[in-house]
N, C-alpha and C. Protein backbone atom coordinates (compact mmCIF):
# COMPACT_ATOMS: atom_id res chain seq x y z
N UNK A 1 6.81 -12.51 21.55
CA UNK A 1 7.00 -13.35 20.37
C UNK A 1 6.87 -14.83 20.71
N UNK A 2 7.07 -15.20 21.97
CA UNK A 2 6.98 -16.60 22.39
C UNK A 2 5.72 -16.82 23.21
N UNK A 3 5.28 -18.08 23.28
CA UNK A 3 4.07 -18.41 24.03
C UNK A 3 4.28 -18.19 25.53
N UNK A 4 3.16 -17.97 26.23
CA UNK A 4 3.22 -17.75 27.68
C UNK A 4 3.83 -18.96 28.37
N UNK A 5 4.59 -18.69 29.41
CA UNK A 5 5.19 -19.76 30.20
C UNK A 5 6.38 -20.41 29.54
N UNK A 6 6.77 -19.95 28.37
CA UNK A 6 7.87 -20.57 27.64
C UNK A 6 9.19 -20.17 28.29
N UNK A 7 10.06 -21.12 28.45
CA UNK A 7 11.41 -20.86 28.94
C UNK A 7 12.32 -20.91 27.72
N UNK A 8 12.94 -19.79 27.44
CA UNK A 8 13.78 -19.65 26.26
C UNK A 8 14.88 -20.70 26.24
N UNK A 9 15.05 -21.33 25.08
CA UNK A 9 16.05 -22.36 24.90
C UNK A 9 16.95 -21.95 23.74
N UNK A 10 18.15 -21.51 24.06
CA UNK A 10 19.09 -21.05 23.03
C UNK A 10 19.46 -22.16 22.04
N UNK A 11 19.33 -23.42 22.45
CA UNK A 11 19.65 -24.54 21.56
C UNK A 11 18.54 -24.80 20.55
N UNK A 12 17.33 -24.31 20.83
CA UNK A 12 16.19 -24.47 19.91
C UNK A 12 15.36 -23.19 19.94
N UNK A 13 15.88 -22.15 19.33
CA UNK A 13 15.23 -20.84 19.37
C UNK A 13 13.88 -20.82 18.65
N UNK A 14 13.66 -21.74 17.72
CA UNK A 14 12.42 -21.75 16.95
C UNK A 14 11.24 -22.30 17.76
N UNK A 15 11.52 -23.12 18.76
CA UNK A 15 10.46 -23.70 19.58
C UNK A 15 9.68 -22.60 20.28
N UNK A 16 8.40 -22.48 19.99
CA UNK A 16 7.54 -21.50 20.62
C UNK A 16 7.55 -20.13 19.98
N UNK A 17 8.42 -19.92 18.99
CA UNK A 17 8.54 -18.62 18.34
C UNK A 17 7.26 -18.29 17.56
N UNK A 18 6.84 -17.07 17.66
CA UNK A 18 5.64 -16.54 17.00
C UNK A 18 4.37 -17.27 17.46
N UNK A 19 4.39 -17.77 18.68
CA UNK A 19 3.22 -18.43 19.24
C UNK A 19 2.62 -17.64 20.40
N UNK A 20 3.14 -16.45 20.65
CA UNK A 20 2.64 -15.64 21.76
C UNK A 20 1.20 -15.21 21.53
N UNK A 21 0.35 -15.38 22.51
CA UNK A 21 -1.06 -15.03 22.33
C UNK A 21 -1.29 -13.55 22.05
N UNK A 22 -0.35 -12.71 22.46
CA UNK A 22 -0.49 -11.28 22.19
C UNK A 22 -0.43 -11.03 20.68
N UNK A 23 0.39 -11.78 19.96
CA UNK A 23 0.44 -11.64 18.50
C UNK A 23 -0.92 -11.94 17.88
N UNK A 24 -1.58 -13.00 18.36
CA UNK A 24 -2.90 -13.35 17.84
C UNK A 24 -3.93 -12.29 18.22
N UNK A 25 -3.80 -11.75 19.44
CA UNK A 25 -4.73 -10.73 19.91
C UNK A 25 -4.58 -9.45 19.11
N UNK A 26 -3.40 -9.17 18.59
CA UNK A 26 -3.18 -8.02 17.72
C UNK A 26 -3.67 -8.32 16.30
N UNK A 27 -3.46 -9.54 15.82
CA UNK A 27 -3.85 -9.91 14.45
C UNK A 27 -5.36 -9.85 14.25
N UNK A 28 -6.10 -10.35 15.20
CA UNK A 28 -7.56 -10.44 15.03
C UNK A 28 -8.23 -9.09 14.80
N UNK A 29 -7.96 -8.06 15.61
CA UNK A 29 -8.63 -6.78 15.32
C UNK A 29 -8.15 -6.13 14.04
N UNK A 30 -6.89 -6.35 13.66
CA UNK A 30 -6.40 -5.78 12.40
C UNK A 30 -7.19 -6.35 11.23
N UNK A 31 -7.42 -7.65 11.24
CA UNK A 31 -8.05 -8.30 10.09
C UNK A 31 -9.55 -8.53 10.24
N UNK A 32 -10.05 -8.73 11.46
CA UNK A 32 -11.47 -9.02 11.64
C UNK A 32 -12.24 -7.89 12.33
N UNK A 33 -11.55 -6.94 12.91
CA UNK A 33 -12.19 -5.83 13.60
C UNK A 33 -11.99 -5.92 15.10
N UNK A 34 -12.12 -4.79 15.81
CA UNK A 34 -11.82 -4.73 17.24
C UNK A 34 -12.63 -5.69 18.10
N UNK A 35 -13.86 -5.94 17.76
CA UNK A 35 -14.69 -6.82 18.60
C UNK A 35 -14.27 -8.28 18.52
N UNK A 36 -13.43 -8.63 17.56
CA UNK A 36 -12.99 -10.02 17.39
C UNK A 36 -11.75 -10.35 18.21
N UNK A 37 -11.10 -9.35 18.79
CA UNK A 37 -9.79 -9.53 19.42
C UNK A 37 -9.71 -10.67 20.41
N UNK A 38 -10.66 -10.80 21.28
CA UNK A 38 -10.57 -11.81 22.34
C UNK A 38 -11.56 -12.95 22.13
N UNK A 39 -12.11 -13.06 20.95
CA UNK A 39 -13.10 -14.10 20.65
C UNK A 39 -12.44 -15.37 20.12
N UNK A 40 -13.26 -16.39 19.92
CA UNK A 40 -12.80 -17.70 19.44
C UNK A 40 -12.20 -17.60 18.04
N UNK A 41 -11.36 -18.59 17.67
CA UNK A 41 -10.78 -18.59 16.32
C UNK A 41 -11.84 -18.49 15.24
N UNK A 42 -11.57 -17.64 14.26
CA UNK A 42 -12.47 -17.48 13.13
C UNK A 42 -13.63 -16.55 13.39
N UNK A 43 -13.80 -16.07 14.62
CA UNK A 43 -14.94 -15.21 14.95
C UNK A 43 -14.86 -13.92 14.17
N UNK A 44 -15.99 -13.52 13.62
CA UNK A 44 -16.11 -12.16 13.12
C UNK A 44 -17.47 -11.64 13.56
N UNK A 45 -17.61 -10.37 13.60
CA UNK A 45 -18.79 -9.78 14.21
C UNK A 45 -20.01 -9.76 13.29
N UNK A 46 -19.91 -10.39 12.14
CA UNK A 46 -21.02 -10.40 11.19
C UNK A 46 -20.91 -9.26 10.20
N UNK A 47 -20.24 -8.19 10.59
CA UNK A 47 -19.99 -7.06 9.72
C UNK A 47 -18.60 -7.26 9.12
N UNK A 48 -18.43 -6.94 7.87
CA UNK A 48 -17.15 -7.17 7.20
C UNK A 48 -16.01 -6.40 7.86
N UNK A 49 -14.95 -7.11 8.23
CA UNK A 49 -13.76 -6.49 8.78
C UNK A 49 -12.82 -6.09 7.66
N UNK A 50 -11.64 -5.61 8.02
CA UNK A 50 -10.66 -5.19 7.02
C UNK A 50 -10.31 -6.31 6.05
N UNK A 51 -10.19 -7.52 6.56
CA UNK A 51 -9.83 -8.65 5.70
C UNK A 51 -10.91 -8.87 4.63
N UNK A 52 -12.15 -8.93 5.05
CA UNK A 52 -13.25 -9.17 4.10
C UNK A 52 -13.38 -8.01 3.12
N UNK A 53 -13.21 -6.81 3.59
CA UNK A 53 -13.32 -5.63 2.72
C UNK A 53 -12.25 -5.61 1.64
N UNK A 54 -11.11 -6.25 1.93
CA UNK A 54 -10.00 -6.27 0.98
C UNK A 54 -9.77 -7.65 0.37
N UNK A 55 -10.75 -8.54 0.50
CA UNK A 55 -10.70 -9.90 -0.06
C UNK A 55 -9.52 -10.71 0.45
N UNK A 56 -9.13 -10.48 1.70
CA UNK A 56 -8.05 -11.25 2.31
C UNK A 56 -8.69 -12.44 3.02
N UNK A 57 -8.30 -13.65 2.63
CA UNK A 57 -8.87 -14.85 3.23
C UNK A 57 -7.84 -15.68 3.97
N UNK A 58 -6.57 -15.27 3.89
CA UNK A 58 -5.52 -15.97 4.62
C UNK A 58 -4.33 -15.03 4.76
N UNK A 59 -3.49 -15.34 5.73
CA UNK A 59 -2.32 -14.52 6.00
C UNK A 59 -1.07 -15.16 5.43
N UNK A 60 -0.09 -14.33 5.10
CA UNK A 60 1.20 -14.83 4.63
C UNK A 60 2.30 -14.28 5.52
N UNK A 61 3.54 -14.54 5.19
CA UNK A 61 4.66 -14.12 6.01
C UNK A 61 4.74 -12.62 6.21
N UNK A 62 4.41 -11.86 5.19
CA UNK A 62 4.44 -10.40 5.31
C UNK A 62 3.37 -9.91 6.27
N UNK A 63 2.23 -10.57 6.27
CA UNK A 63 1.18 -10.19 7.22
C UNK A 63 1.63 -10.42 8.66
N UNK A 64 2.26 -11.56 8.91
CA UNK A 64 2.72 -11.88 10.26
C UNK A 64 3.82 -10.89 10.67
N UNK A 65 4.72 -10.56 9.75
CA UNK A 65 5.78 -9.59 10.05
C UNK A 65 5.17 -8.22 10.37
N UNK A 66 4.15 -7.83 9.63
CA UNK A 66 3.45 -6.56 9.88
C UNK A 66 2.84 -6.55 11.28
N UNK A 67 2.20 -7.65 11.64
CA UNK A 67 1.59 -7.78 12.97
C UNK A 67 2.66 -7.65 14.05
N UNK A 68 3.80 -8.31 13.87
CA UNK A 68 4.88 -8.25 14.85
C UNK A 68 5.42 -6.83 15.00
N UNK A 69 5.54 -6.10 13.89
CA UNK A 69 6.00 -4.71 13.95
C UNK A 69 4.97 -3.83 14.66
N UNK A 70 3.69 -4.06 14.35
CA UNK A 70 2.63 -3.29 15.00
C UNK A 70 2.62 -3.55 16.51
N UNK A 71 2.92 -4.75 16.91
CA UNK A 71 2.96 -5.09 18.33
C UNK A 71 4.21 -4.51 19.01
N UNK A 72 5.34 -4.56 18.35
CA UNK A 72 6.57 -4.10 18.97
C UNK A 72 6.58 -2.60 19.21
N UNK A 73 6.00 -1.83 18.30
CA UNK A 73 6.07 -0.37 18.42
C UNK A 73 5.52 0.14 19.76
N UNK A 74 4.30 -0.21 20.17
CA UNK A 74 3.83 0.34 21.46
C UNK A 74 4.60 -0.20 22.67
N UNK A 75 5.32 -1.30 22.49
CA UNK A 75 6.13 -1.84 23.58
C UNK A 75 7.54 -1.24 23.61
N UNK A 76 7.85 -0.42 22.60
CA UNK A 76 9.19 0.15 22.48
C UNK A 76 9.29 1.48 23.22
N UNK A 77 10.45 2.10 23.12
CA UNK A 77 10.68 3.40 23.74
C UNK A 77 10.35 4.55 22.80
N UNK A 78 9.94 4.25 21.58
CA UNK A 78 9.66 5.30 20.60
C UNK A 78 8.35 6.02 20.90
N UNK A 79 8.35 7.32 20.65
CA UNK A 79 7.13 8.11 20.79
C UNK A 79 6.50 8.30 19.42
N UNK A 80 7.34 8.42 18.40
CA UNK A 80 6.88 8.61 17.02
C UNK A 80 7.41 7.45 16.18
N UNK A 81 6.56 6.96 15.27
CA UNK A 81 6.94 5.83 14.43
C UNK A 81 8.15 6.21 13.59
N UNK A 82 9.14 5.34 13.55
CA UNK A 82 10.32 5.52 12.73
C UNK A 82 10.91 4.16 12.41
N UNK A 83 11.82 4.11 11.47
CA UNK A 83 12.39 2.82 11.08
C UNK A 83 13.39 2.29 12.09
N UNK A 84 13.91 3.17 12.93
CA UNK A 84 14.90 2.74 13.93
C UNK A 84 14.41 3.11 15.32
N UNK A 85 14.73 2.24 16.27
CA UNK A 85 14.50 2.50 17.69
C UNK A 85 15.82 2.19 18.37
N UNK A 86 16.68 3.19 18.47
CA UNK A 86 18.05 2.94 18.93
C UNK A 86 18.75 2.08 17.89
N UNK A 87 19.23 0.92 18.31
CA UNK A 87 19.91 0.00 17.39
C UNK A 87 18.93 -0.96 16.72
N UNK A 88 17.65 -0.93 17.13
CA UNK A 88 16.66 -1.85 16.57
C UNK A 88 16.13 -1.30 15.25
N UNK A 89 16.17 -2.13 14.21
CA UNK A 89 15.72 -1.74 12.87
C UNK A 89 14.41 -2.45 12.54
N UNK A 90 13.35 -1.68 12.36
CA UNK A 90 12.07 -2.28 11.99
C UNK A 90 12.13 -2.97 10.63
N UNK A 91 12.74 -2.37 9.60
CA UNK A 91 12.83 -3.07 8.32
C UNK A 91 13.57 -4.41 8.43
N UNK A 92 14.67 -4.43 9.17
CA UNK A 92 15.42 -5.68 9.34
C UNK A 92 14.57 -6.72 10.09
N UNK A 93 13.87 -6.27 11.12
CA UNK A 93 12.98 -7.13 11.89
C UNK A 93 11.88 -7.71 10.99
N UNK A 94 11.25 -6.84 10.19
CA UNK A 94 10.18 -7.26 9.28
C UNK A 94 10.67 -8.34 8.32
N UNK A 95 11.77 -8.05 7.60
CA UNK A 95 12.24 -8.99 6.58
C UNK A 95 12.82 -10.26 7.19
N UNK A 96 13.33 -10.19 8.40
CA UNK A 96 13.81 -11.40 9.08
C UNK A 96 12.65 -12.34 9.37
N UNK A 97 11.52 -11.78 9.77
CA UNK A 97 10.33 -12.61 10.03
C UNK A 97 9.81 -13.20 8.73
N UNK A 98 9.77 -12.39 7.68
CA UNK A 98 9.32 -12.90 6.37
C UNK A 98 10.20 -14.07 5.94
N UNK A 99 11.51 -13.91 6.05
CA UNK A 99 12.44 -14.99 5.68
C UNK A 99 12.24 -16.22 6.55
N UNK A 100 12.00 -16.02 7.83
CA UNK A 100 11.78 -17.12 8.76
C UNK A 100 10.56 -17.96 8.38
N UNK A 101 9.56 -17.32 7.78
CA UNK A 101 8.31 -18.00 7.46
C UNK A 101 8.28 -18.62 6.07
N UNK A 102 9.37 -18.53 5.34
CA UNK A 102 9.42 -19.16 4.01
C UNK A 102 9.58 -20.67 4.18
N UNK A 103 9.06 -21.41 3.24
CA UNK A 103 9.24 -22.86 3.23
C UNK A 103 8.33 -23.60 4.19
N UNK A 104 8.55 -24.89 4.28
CA UNK A 104 7.70 -25.76 5.08
C UNK A 104 7.76 -25.46 6.57
N UNK A 105 8.92 -25.02 7.06
CA UNK A 105 9.06 -24.75 8.48
C UNK A 105 8.11 -23.64 8.94
N UNK A 106 7.91 -22.64 8.09
CA UNK A 106 7.03 -21.53 8.45
C UNK A 106 5.56 -21.84 8.26
N UNK A 107 5.25 -22.92 7.54
CA UNK A 107 3.86 -23.25 7.24
C UNK A 107 3.04 -23.50 8.50
N UNK A 108 3.61 -24.16 9.49
CA UNK A 108 2.88 -24.44 10.73
C UNK A 108 2.49 -23.14 11.43
N UNK A 109 3.38 -22.16 11.41
CA UNK A 109 3.09 -20.87 12.03
C UNK A 109 1.98 -20.16 11.25
N UNK A 110 2.08 -20.17 9.93
CA UNK A 110 1.04 -19.56 9.10
C UNK A 110 -0.31 -20.23 9.34
N UNK A 111 -0.29 -21.55 9.45
CA UNK A 111 -1.53 -22.29 9.71
C UNK A 111 -2.16 -21.88 11.04
N UNK A 112 -1.34 -21.70 12.08
CA UNK A 112 -1.87 -21.28 13.39
C UNK A 112 -2.48 -19.90 13.31
N UNK A 113 -1.82 -18.98 12.63
CA UNK A 113 -2.37 -17.64 12.50
C UNK A 113 -3.66 -17.66 11.69
N UNK A 114 -3.69 -18.41 10.59
CA UNK A 114 -4.90 -18.47 9.77
C UNK A 114 -6.06 -19.09 10.54
N UNK A 115 -5.76 -20.10 11.35
CA UNK A 115 -6.81 -20.71 12.17
C UNK A 115 -7.35 -19.70 13.19
N UNK A 116 -6.44 -19.00 13.86
CA UNK A 116 -6.86 -18.06 14.88
C UNK A 116 -7.64 -16.89 14.29
N UNK A 117 -7.19 -16.34 13.19
CA UNK A 117 -7.83 -15.16 12.61
C UNK A 117 -9.06 -15.53 11.77
N UNK A 118 -8.94 -16.56 10.94
CA UNK A 118 -10.01 -16.88 9.99
C UNK A 118 -10.77 -18.17 10.30
N UNK A 119 -10.27 -18.98 11.24
CA UNK A 119 -10.94 -20.23 11.56
C UNK A 119 -10.61 -21.35 10.60
N UNK A 120 -9.61 -21.16 9.76
CA UNK A 120 -9.20 -22.17 8.79
C UNK A 120 -7.68 -22.21 8.71
N UNK A 121 -7.12 -23.36 8.37
CA UNK A 121 -5.67 -23.44 8.22
C UNK A 121 -5.23 -23.29 6.78
N UNK A 122 -6.17 -23.03 5.87
CA UNK A 122 -5.81 -22.85 4.47
C UNK A 122 -5.04 -21.55 4.36
N UNK A 123 -3.83 -21.62 3.84
CA UNK A 123 -3.00 -20.42 3.74
C UNK A 123 -2.85 -19.99 2.30
N UNK A 124 -2.39 -18.76 2.14
CA UNK A 124 -2.16 -18.21 0.80
C UNK A 124 -1.15 -19.04 0.04
N UNK A 125 -0.14 -19.56 0.75
CA UNK A 125 0.91 -20.35 0.09
C UNK A 125 0.30 -21.59 -0.54
N UNK A 126 -0.51 -22.33 0.21
CA UNK A 126 -1.10 -23.55 -0.32
C UNK A 126 -2.10 -23.24 -1.42
N UNK A 127 -2.93 -22.19 -1.24
CA UNK A 127 -3.92 -21.85 -2.24
C UNK A 127 -3.25 -21.44 -3.54
N UNK A 128 -2.22 -20.59 -3.45
CA UNK A 128 -1.53 -20.16 -4.66
C UNK A 128 -0.84 -21.31 -5.36
N UNK A 129 -0.29 -22.25 -4.61
CA UNK A 129 0.37 -23.40 -5.22
C UNK A 129 -0.65 -24.25 -5.96
N UNK A 130 -1.84 -24.39 -5.41
CA UNK A 130 -2.88 -25.18 -6.06
C UNK A 130 -3.41 -24.47 -7.30
N UNK A 131 -3.42 -23.14 -7.27
CA UNK A 131 -3.99 -22.39 -8.39
C UNK A 131 -3.00 -22.17 -9.51
N UNK A 132 -1.74 -22.49 -9.30
CA UNK A 132 -0.71 -22.25 -10.30
C UNK A 132 -0.93 -23.15 -11.51
N UNK A 133 -0.86 -22.54 -12.68
CA UNK A 133 -0.97 -23.30 -13.92
C UNK A 133 0.27 -22.97 -14.76
N UNK A 134 0.31 -23.52 -15.95
CA UNK A 134 1.43 -23.24 -16.84
C UNK A 134 1.25 -21.93 -17.58
N UNK A 135 0.16 -21.24 -17.35
CA UNK A 135 -0.09 -19.96 -17.98
C UNK A 135 0.79 -18.90 -17.34
N UNK A 136 1.48 -18.10 -18.15
CA UNK A 136 2.34 -17.07 -17.55
C UNK A 136 1.50 -16.00 -16.85
N UNK A 137 2.07 -15.44 -15.80
CA UNK A 137 1.37 -14.39 -15.07
C UNK A 137 1.39 -13.10 -15.89
N UNK A 138 0.59 -12.14 -15.47
CA UNK A 138 0.57 -10.85 -16.16
C UNK A 138 1.94 -10.18 -16.11
N UNK A 139 2.64 -10.33 -14.99
CA UNK A 139 3.97 -9.73 -14.87
C UNK A 139 4.96 -10.41 -15.80
N UNK A 140 4.85 -11.72 -15.99
CA UNK A 140 5.73 -12.42 -16.92
C UNK A 140 5.45 -11.97 -18.36
N UNK A 141 4.19 -11.76 -18.70
CA UNK A 141 3.83 -11.28 -20.03
C UNK A 141 4.37 -9.87 -20.23
N UNK A 142 4.22 -9.02 -19.21
CA UNK A 142 4.74 -7.65 -19.27
C UNK A 142 6.25 -7.65 -19.47
N UNK A 143 6.97 -8.49 -18.76
CA UNK A 143 8.42 -8.59 -18.92
C UNK A 143 8.78 -9.00 -20.35
N UNK A 144 8.07 -9.97 -20.89
CA UNK A 144 8.34 -10.43 -22.26
C UNK A 144 8.07 -9.32 -23.27
N UNK A 145 6.99 -8.56 -23.04
CA UNK A 145 6.67 -7.46 -23.95
C UNK A 145 7.74 -6.38 -23.90
N UNK A 146 8.22 -6.07 -22.71
CA UNK A 146 9.28 -5.07 -22.58
C UNK A 146 10.55 -5.53 -23.28
N UNK A 147 10.90 -6.79 -23.12
CA UNK A 147 12.10 -7.33 -23.77
C UNK A 147 11.96 -7.26 -25.29
N UNK A 148 10.77 -7.56 -25.81
CA UNK A 148 10.54 -7.51 -27.25
C UNK A 148 10.65 -6.08 -27.77
N UNK A 149 10.09 -5.10 -27.04
CA UNK A 149 10.20 -3.69 -27.43
C UNK A 149 11.66 -3.25 -27.46
N UNK A 150 12.40 -3.64 -26.45
CA UNK A 150 13.81 -3.28 -26.36
C UNK A 150 14.58 -3.88 -27.54
N UNK A 151 14.29 -5.12 -27.87
CA UNK A 151 14.96 -5.79 -28.98
C UNK A 151 14.63 -5.09 -30.30
N UNK A 152 13.37 -4.67 -30.46
CA UNK A 152 12.98 -3.95 -31.69
C UNK A 152 13.72 -2.61 -31.80
N UNK A 153 13.87 -1.90 -30.69
CA UNK A 153 14.58 -0.62 -30.69
C UNK A 153 16.05 -0.81 -31.07
N UNK A 154 16.66 -1.84 -30.50
CA UNK A 154 18.06 -2.13 -30.79
C UNK A 154 18.22 -2.49 -32.27
N UNK A 155 17.29 -3.31 -32.78
CA UNK A 155 17.36 -3.72 -34.19
C UNK A 155 17.13 -2.53 -35.10
N UNK A 156 16.22 -1.63 -34.74
CA UNK A 156 15.94 -0.45 -35.57
C UNK A 156 17.13 0.50 -35.58
N UNK A 157 17.81 0.64 -34.46
CA UNK A 157 18.97 1.52 -34.37
C UNK A 157 20.16 0.96 -35.16
N UNK A 158 20.26 -0.35 -35.26
CA UNK A 158 21.37 -0.99 -35.96
C UNK A 158 21.17 -1.00 -37.47
N UNK A 159 19.91 -0.92 -37.94
CA UNK A 159 19.64 -0.95 -39.38
C UNK A 159 19.75 0.47 -39.94
N UNK A 160 20.44 0.63 -41.07
CA UNK A 160 20.54 1.98 -41.65
C UNK A 160 19.16 2.46 -42.14
N UNK A 161 18.94 3.72 -41.96
CA UNK A 161 17.65 4.31 -42.36
C UNK A 161 17.53 4.27 -43.88
N UNK A 162 16.33 3.99 -44.34
CA UNK A 162 16.08 3.94 -45.79
C UNK A 162 15.96 5.36 -46.33
N UNK A 163 16.56 5.63 -47.46
CA UNK A 163 16.56 6.97 -48.02
C UNK A 163 15.49 7.16 -49.05
């Protein structure tokens, strides 16, 4: 999880965190394909990798957490994938990393991963913030429609039926 040669500092645990080159070496083949693993930042083999096939152009906190879980499993004592490895919880590990990468503090880490995997520091967080408008999302519209249906049902049940 930490960069090579790093001496752990309990007073500043964030320094060097998620900068280990092994994390980048795992991220590149997942998103760009196996031949990209040890190549320069942004390298792809010319053939569409998983990222391109799924229209992924940048990584977010969940992607980094997924990469960390994928890396930890073969280094663990587990033979079969499971949510627990002794006292170690993969779900807790995953969501802790996601939480760690929220906000401005996590942006530098996301930028490093995006540069290494895609050759750009443009992240999903920045792109989504720029694309945000005052138009409600589809999920917000769906929520409003559900609330309106529920209100109509309540109103219909409260009104006496016409004879």
